[in-house]
Amino acid sequence: MSILPILIAFTLVGVLVAGYMFFWAVDHDQFDDMQTPSLLPLDDLPDEPDPEAARARKNPDQA
């Protein structure tokens, strides 16, 4: 039973930290645009060519 006050204290600190983080996120507009981040992986940008791979294809004899 002596552990109970310690556990209650840790729980209260955890709740206060979680509440602070939530209200900080709301205050700093972290939840304004929920649509665009979900579409970013679908943005099909071409990969930049690797200059080393291009050189290796041109000269396969050289390692």
PDB file of N, CA and C in Angstrom:
ATOM      1  N   MET A   1       0.817  -1.208   0.000  1.00  0.00           N
ATOM      2  CA  MET A   1       0.000   0.000   0.000  1.00  0.00           C
ATOM      3  C   MET A   1       0.855   1.264   0.000  1.00  0.00           C
ATOM      4  N   SER A   2       2.117   1.141   0.349  1.00  0.00           N
ATOM      5  CA  SER A   2       2.953   2.341   0.383  1.00  0.00           C
ATOM      6  C   SER A   2       3.303   2.827  -1.023  1.00  0.00           C
ATOM      7  N   ILE A   3       3.094   1.976  -2.029  1.00  0.00           N
ATOM      8  CA  ILE A   3       3.394   2.366  -3.407  1.00  0.00           C
ATOM      9  C   ILE A   3       2.261   3.203  -4.007  1.00  0.00           C
ATOM     10  N   LEU A   4       1.086   3.135  -3.410  1.00  0.00           N
ATOM     11  CA  LEU A   4      -0.087   3.814  -3.953  1.00  0.00           C
ATOM     12  C   LEU A   4       0.091   5.325  -4.091  1.00  0.00           C
ATOM     13  N   PRO A   5       0.603   6.050  -3.116  1.00  0.00           N
ATOM     14  CA  PRO A   5       0.798   7.497  -3.306  1.00  0.00           C
ATOM     15  C   PRO A   5       1.793   7.818  -4.424  1.00  0.00           C
ATOM     16  N   ILE A   6       2.799   6.975  -4.585  1.00  0.00           N
ATOM     17  CA  ILE A   6       3.769   7.201  -5.659  1.00  0.00           C
ATOM     18  C   ILE A   6       3.109   7.002  -7.018  1.00  0.00           C
ATOM     19  N   LEU A   7       2.304   5.956  -7.147  1.00  0.00           N
ATOM     20  CA  LEU A   7       1.608   5.703  -8.410  1.00  0.00           C
ATOM     21  C   LEU A   7       0.608   6.809  -8.728  1.00  0.00           C
ATOM     22  N   ILE A   8      -0.081   7.298  -7.722  1.00  0.00           N
ATOM     23  CA  ILE A   8      -1.025   8.398  -7.933  1.00  0.00           C
ATOM     24  C   ILE A   8      -0.283   9.650  -8.378  1.00  0.00           C
ATOM     25  N   ALA A   9       0.867   9.918  -7.783  1.00  0.00           N
ATOM     26  CA  ALA A   9       1.659  11.089  -8.174  1.00  0.00           C
ATOM     27  C   ALA A   9       2.138  10.963  -9.620  1.00  0.00           C
ATOM     28  N   PHE A  10       2.642   9.792  -9.999  1.00  0.00           N
ATOM     29  CA  PHE A  10       3.085   9.588 -11.382  1.00  0.00           C
ATOM     30  C   PHE A  10       1.922   9.723 -12.361  1.00  0.00           C
ATOM     31  N   THR A  11       0.758   9.221 -11.987  1.00  0.00           N
ATOM     32  CA  THR A  11      -0.413   9.326 -12.848  1.00  0.00           C
ATOM     33  C   THR A  11      -0.824  10.780 -13.031  1.00  0.00           C
ATOM     34  N   LEU A  12      -0.835  11.538 -11.955  1.00  0.00           N
ATOM     35  CA  LEU A  12      -1.197  12.953 -12.063  1.00  0.00           C
ATOM     36  C   LEU A  12      -0.196  13.725 -12.915  1.00  0.00           C
ATOM     37  N   VAL A  13       1.080  13.435 -12.753  1.00  0.00           N
ATOM     38  CA  VAL A  13       2.098  14.096 -13.583  1.00  0.00           C
ATOM     39  C   VAL A  13       1.895  13.716 -15.048  1.00  0.00           C
ATOM     40  N   GLY A  14       1.613  12.455 -15.326  1.00  0.00           N
ATOM     41  CA  GLY A  14       1.370  12.010 -16.701  1.00  0.00           C
ATOM     42  C   GLY A  14       0.164  12.683 -17.317  1.00  0.00           C
ATOM     43  N   VAL A  15      -0.907  12.811 -16.557  1.00  0.00           N
ATOM     44  CA  VAL A  15      -2.116  13.476 -17.058  1.00  0.00           C
ATOM     45  C   VAL A  15      -1.838  14.951 -17.315  1.00  0.00           C
ATOM     46  N   LEU A  16      -1.102  15.594 -16.428  1.00  0.00           N
ATOM     47  CA  LEU A  16      -0.773  17.008 -16.633  1.00  0.00           C
ATOM     48  C   LEU A  16       0.106  17.209 -17.866  1.00  0.00           C
ATOM     49  N   VAL A  17       1.076  16.335 -18.067  1.00  0.00           N
ATOM     50  CA  VAL A  17       1.946  16.447 -19.245  1.00  0.00           C
ATOM     51  C   VAL A  17       1.143  16.208 -20.519  1.00  0.00           C
ATOM     52  N   ALA A  18       0.293  15.190 -20.535  1.00  0.00           N
ATOM     53  CA  ALA A  18      -0.527  14.908 -21.710  1.00  0.00           C
ATOM     54  C   ALA A  18      -1.483  16.064 -21.992  1.00  0.00           C
ATOM     55  N   GLY A  19      -2.076  16.633 -20.960  1.00  0.00           N
ATOM     56  CA  GLY A  19      -2.962  17.785 -21.148  1.00  0.00           C
ATOM     57  C   GLY A  19      -2.220  18.984 -21.692  1.00  0.00           C
ATOM     58  N   TYR A  20      -1.024  19.236 -21.169  1.00  0.00           N
ATOM     59  CA  TYR A  20      -0.213  20.349 -21.673  1.00  0.00           C
ATOM     60  C   TYR A  20       0.132  20.141 -23.144  1.00  0.00           C
ATOM     61  N   MET A  21       0.542  18.927 -23.506  1.00  0.00           N
ATOM     62  CA  MET A  21       0.898  18.658 -24.901  1.00  0.00           C
ATOM     63  C   MET A  21      -0.310  18.811 -25.818  1.00  0.00           C
ATOM     64  N   PHE A  22      -1.481  18.366 -25.384  1.00  0.00           N
ATOM     65  CA  PHE A  22      -2.684  18.502 -26.201  1.00  0.00           C
ATOM     66  C   PHE A  22      -3.034  19.964 -26.412  1.00  0.00           C
ATOM     67  N   PHE A  23      -3.073  20.741 -25.336  1.00  0.00           N
ATOM     68  CA  PHE A  23      -3.444  22.145 -25.482  1.00  0.00           C
ATOM     69  C   PHE A  23      -2.379  22.938 -26.228  1.00  0.00           C
ATOM     70  N   TRP A  24      -1.109  22.547 -26.118  1.00  0.00           N
ATOM     71  CA  TRP A  24      -0.055  23.195 -26.904  1.00  0.00           C
ATOM     72  C   TRP A  24      -0.285  22.935 -28.389  1.00  0.00           C
ATOM     73  N   ALA A  25      -0.627  21.693 -28.740  1.00  0.00           N
ATOM     74  CA  ALA A  25      -0.850  21.348 -30.140  1.00  0.00           C
ATOM     75  C   ALA A  25      -2.056  22.091 -30.703  1.00  0.00           C
ATOM     76  N   VAL A  26      -3.113  22.205 -29.926  1.00  0.00           N
ATOM     77  CA  VAL A  26      -4.297  22.937 -30.385  1.00  0.00           C
ATOM     78  C   VAL A  26      -3.977  24.418 -30.529  1.00  0.00           C
ATOM     79  N   ASP A  27      -3.243  24.973 -29.588  1.00  0.00           N
ATOM     80  CA  ASP A  27      -2.910  26.395 -29.615  1.00  0.00           C
ATOM     81  C   ASP A  27      -1.980  26.743 -30.769  1.00  0.00           C
ATOM     82  N   HIS A  28      -1.111  25.822 -31.168  1.00  0.00           N
ATOM     83  CA  HIS A  28      -0.157  26.091 -32.243  1.00  0.00           C
ATOM     84  C   HIS A  28      -0.650  25.576 -33.593  1.00  0.00           C
ATOM     85  N   ASP A  29      -1.956  25.391 -33.744  1.00  0.00           N
ATOM     86  CA  ASP A  29      -2.606  25.049 -35.016  1.00  0.00           C
ATOM     87  C   ASP A  29      -2.061  23.761 -35.632  1.00  0.00           C
ATOM     88  N   GLN A  30      -1.804  22.764 -34.827  1.00  0.00           N
ATOM     89  CA  GLN A  30      -1.304  21.496 -35.346  1.00  0.00           C
ATOM     90  C   GLN A  30      -2.410  20.676 -36.004  1.00  0.00           C
ATOM     91  N   PHE A  31      -3.660  21.015 -35.754  1.00  0.00           N
ATOM     92  CA  PHE A  31      -4.768  20.223 -36.271  1.00  0.00           C
ATOM     93  C   PHE A  31      -5.562  20.970 -37.335  1.00  0.00           C
ATOM     94  N   ASP A  32      -4.996  22.018 -37.930  1.00  0.00           N
ATOM     95  CA  ASP A  32      -5.746  22.797 -38.909  1.00  0.00           C
ATOM     96  C   ASP A  32      -5.930  22.053 -40.226  1.00  0.00           C
ATOM     97  N   ASP A  33      -4.864  21.532 -40.800  1.00  0.00           N
ATOM     98  CA  ASP A  33      -4.928  20.898 -42.115  1.00  0.00           C
ATOM     99  C   ASP A  33      -4.740  19.398 -41.953  1.00  0.00           C
ATOM    100  N   MET A  34      -5.839  18.679 -41.899  1.00  0.00           N
ATOM    101  CA  MET A  34      -5.762  17.237 -41.718  1.00  0.00           C
ATOM    102  C   MET A  34      -5.772  16.488 -43.051  1.00  0.00           C
ATOM    103  N   GLN A  35      -6.049  17.166 -44.168  1.00  0.00           N
ATOM    104  CA  GLN A  35      -6.179  16.502 -45.455  1.00  0.00           C
ATOM    105  C   GLN A  35      -4.848  16.402 -46.198  1.00  0.00           C
ATOM    106  N   THR A  36      -4.080  17.481 -46.249  1.00  0.00           N
ATOM    107  CA  THR A  36      -2.867  17.510 -47.067  1.00  0.00           C
ATOM    108  C   THR A  36      -1.817  16.488 -46.631  1.00  0.00           C
ATOM    109  N   PRO A  37      -1.500  16.317 -45.348  1.00  0.00           N
ATOM    110  CA  PRO A  37      -0.477  15.330 -44.989  1.00  0.00           C
ATOM    111  C   PRO A  37      -0.829  13.906 -45.417  1.00  0.00           C
ATOM    112  N   SER A  38      -2.110  13.584 -45.474  1.00  0.00           N
ATOM    113  CA  SER A  38      -2.482  12.232 -45.891  1.00  0.00           C
ATOM    114  C   SER A  38      -2.299  12.034 -47.386  1.00  0.00           C
ATOM    115  N   LEU A  39      -2.244  13.113 -48.155  1.00  0.00           N
ATOM    116  CA  LEU A  39      -2.072  13.000 -49.601  1.00  0.00           C
ATOM    117  C   LEU A  39      -0.609  13.096 -50.034  1.00  0.00           C
ATOM    118  N   LEU A  40       0.287  13.505 -49.166  1.00  0.00           N
ATOM    119  CA  LEU A  40       1.692  13.661 -49.540  1.00  0.00           C
ATOM    120  C   LEU A  40       2.342  12.368 -50.042  1.00  0.00           C
ATOM    121  N   PRO A  41       2.085  11.200 -49.457  1.00  0.00           N
ATOM    122  CA  PRO A  41       2.706   9.986 -50.008  1.00  0.00           C
ATOM    123  C   PRO A  41       2.219   9.654 -51.413  1.00  0.00           C
ATOM    124  N   LEU A  42       1.065  10.161 -51.808  1.00  0.00           N
ATOM    125  CA  LEU A  42       0.533   9.884 -53.135  1.00  0.00           C
ATOM    126  C   LEU A  42       1.108  10.804 -54.197  1.00  0.00           C
ATOM    127  N   ASP A  43       1.826  11.832 -53.792  1.00  0.00           N
ATOM    128  CA  ASP A  43       2.430  12.767 -54.733  1.00  0.00           C
ATOM    129  C   ASP A  43       3.570  12.045 -55.441  1.00  0.00           C
ATOM    130  N   ASP A  44       3.372  11.756 -56.713  1.00  0.00           N
ATOM    131  CA  ASP A  44       4.311  10.920 -57.455  1.00  0.00           C
ATOM    132  C   ASP A  44       5.385  11.772 -58.109  1.00  0.00           C
ATOM    133  N   LEU A  45       6.375  12.153 -57.322  1.00  0.00           N
ATOM    134  CA  LEU A  45       7.484  12.927 -57.848  1.00  0.00           C
ATOM    135  C   LEU A  45       8.530  11.976 -58.421  1.00  0.00           C
ATOM    136  N   PRO A  46       9.151  12.344 -59.531  1.00  0.00           N
ATOM    137  CA  PRO A  46      10.184  11.460 -60.085  1.00  0.00           C
ATOM    138  C   PRO A  46      11.413  11.424 -59.181  1.00  0.00           C
ATOM    139  N   ASP A  47      12.034  10.268 -59.123  1.00  0.00           N
ATOM    140  CA  ASP A  47      13.248  10.127 -58.325  1.00  0.00           C
ATOM    141  C   ASP A  47      14.397  10.852 -59.009  1.00  0.00           C
ATOM    142  N   GLU A  48      15.253  11.429 -58.217  1.00  0.00           N
ATOM    143  CA  GLU A  48      16.429  12.077 -58.777  1.00  0.00           C
ATOM    144  C   GLU A  48      17.416  10.995 -59.207  1.00  0.00           C
ATOM    145  N   PRO A  49      18.003  11.144 -60.382  1.00  0.00           N
ATOM    146  CA  PRO A  49      18.938  10.108 -60.837  1.00  0.00           C
ATOM    147  C   PRO A  49      20.199  10.072 -59.979  1.00  0.00           C
ATOM    148  N   ASP A  50      20.676   8.882 -59.765  1.00  0.00           N
ATOM    149  CA  ASP A  50      21.903   8.681 -58.995  1.00  0.00           C
ATOM    150  C   ASP A  50      23.090   8.774 -59.952  1.00  0.00           C
ATOM    151  N   PRO A  51      23.972   9.759 -59.801  1.00  0.00           N
ATOM    152  CA  PRO A  51      25.073   9.920 -60.758  1.00  0.00           C
ATOM    153  C   PRO A  51      26.033   8.729 -60.758  1.00  0.00           C
ATOM    154  N   GLU A  52      26.225   8.081 -59.626  1.00  0.00           N
ATOM    155  CA  GLU A  52      27.117   6.919 -59.577  1.00  0.00           C
ATOM    156  C   GLU A  52      26.533   5.748 -60.363  1.00  0.00           C
ATOM    157  N   ALA A  53      25.233   5.530 -60.260  1.00  0.00           N
ATOM    158  CA  ALA A  53      24.598   4.431 -60.983  1.00  0.00           C
ATOM    159  C   ALA A  53      24.632   4.690 -62.482  1.00  0.00           C
ATOM    160  N   ALA A  54      24.437   5.929 -62.893  1.00  0.00           N
ATOM    161  CA  ALA A  54      24.494   6.265 -64.314  1.00  0.00           C
ATOM    162  C   ALA A  54      25.902   6.037 -64.853  1.00  0.00           C
ATOM    163  N   ARG A  55      26.921   6.389 -64.084  1.00  0.00           N
ATOM    164  CA  ARG A  55      28.303   6.194 -64.505  1.00  0.00           C
ATOM    165  C   ARG A  55      28.622   4.700 -64.611  1.00  0.00           C
ATOM    166  N   ALA A  56      28.102   3.901 -63.705  1.00  0.00           N
ATOM    167  CA  ALA A  56      28.356   2.461 -63.731  1.00  0.00           C
ATOM    168  C   ALA A  56      27.688   1.806 -64.935  1.00  0.00           C
ATOM    169  N   ARG A  57      26.532   2.297 -65.349  1.00  0.00           N
ATOM    170  CA  ARG A  57      25.866   1.742 -66.528  1.00  0.00           C
ATOM    171  C   ARG A  57      26.619   2.086 -67.801  1.00  0.00           C
ATOM    172  N   LYS A  58      27.214   3.275 -67.842  1.00  0.00           N
ATOM    173  CA  LYS A  58      27.945   3.691 -69.038  1.00  0.00           C
ATOM    174  C   LYS A  58      29.252   2.916 -69.173  1.00  0.00           C
ATOM    175  N   ASN A  59      29.932   2.635 -68.076  1.00  0.00           N
ATOM    176  CA  ASN A  59      31.224   1.955 -68.082  1.00  0.00           C
ATOM    177  C   ASN A  59      31.151   0.687 -67.230  1.00  0.00           C
ATOM    178  N   PRO A  60      30.572  -0.399 -67.747  1.00  0.00           N
ATOM    179  CA  PRO A  60      30.446  -1.605 -66.921  1.00  0.00           C
ATOM    180  C   PRO A  60      31.785  -2.296 -66.671  1.00  0.00           C
ATOM    181  N   ASP A  61      32.822  -1.996 -67.468  1.00  0.00           N
ATOM    182  CA  ASP A  61      34.121  -2.642 -67.283  1.00  0.00           C
ATOM    183  C   ASP A  61      34.852  -2.122 -66.056  1.00  0.00           C
ATOM    184  N   GLN A  62      34.602  -0.885 -65.695  1.00  0.00           N
ATOM    185  CA  GLN A  62      35.284  -0.291 -64.553  1.00  0.00           C
ATOM    186  C   GLN A  62      34.491  -0.568 -63.279  1.00  0.00           C
ATOM    187  N   ALA A  63      35.183  -1.012 -62.249  1.00  0.00           N
ATOM    188  CA  ALA A  63      34.486  -1.294 -60.993  1.00  0.00           C
ATOM    189  C   ALA A  63      34.834  -0.289 -59.946  1.00  0.00           C
TER     190      ALA A  63
END
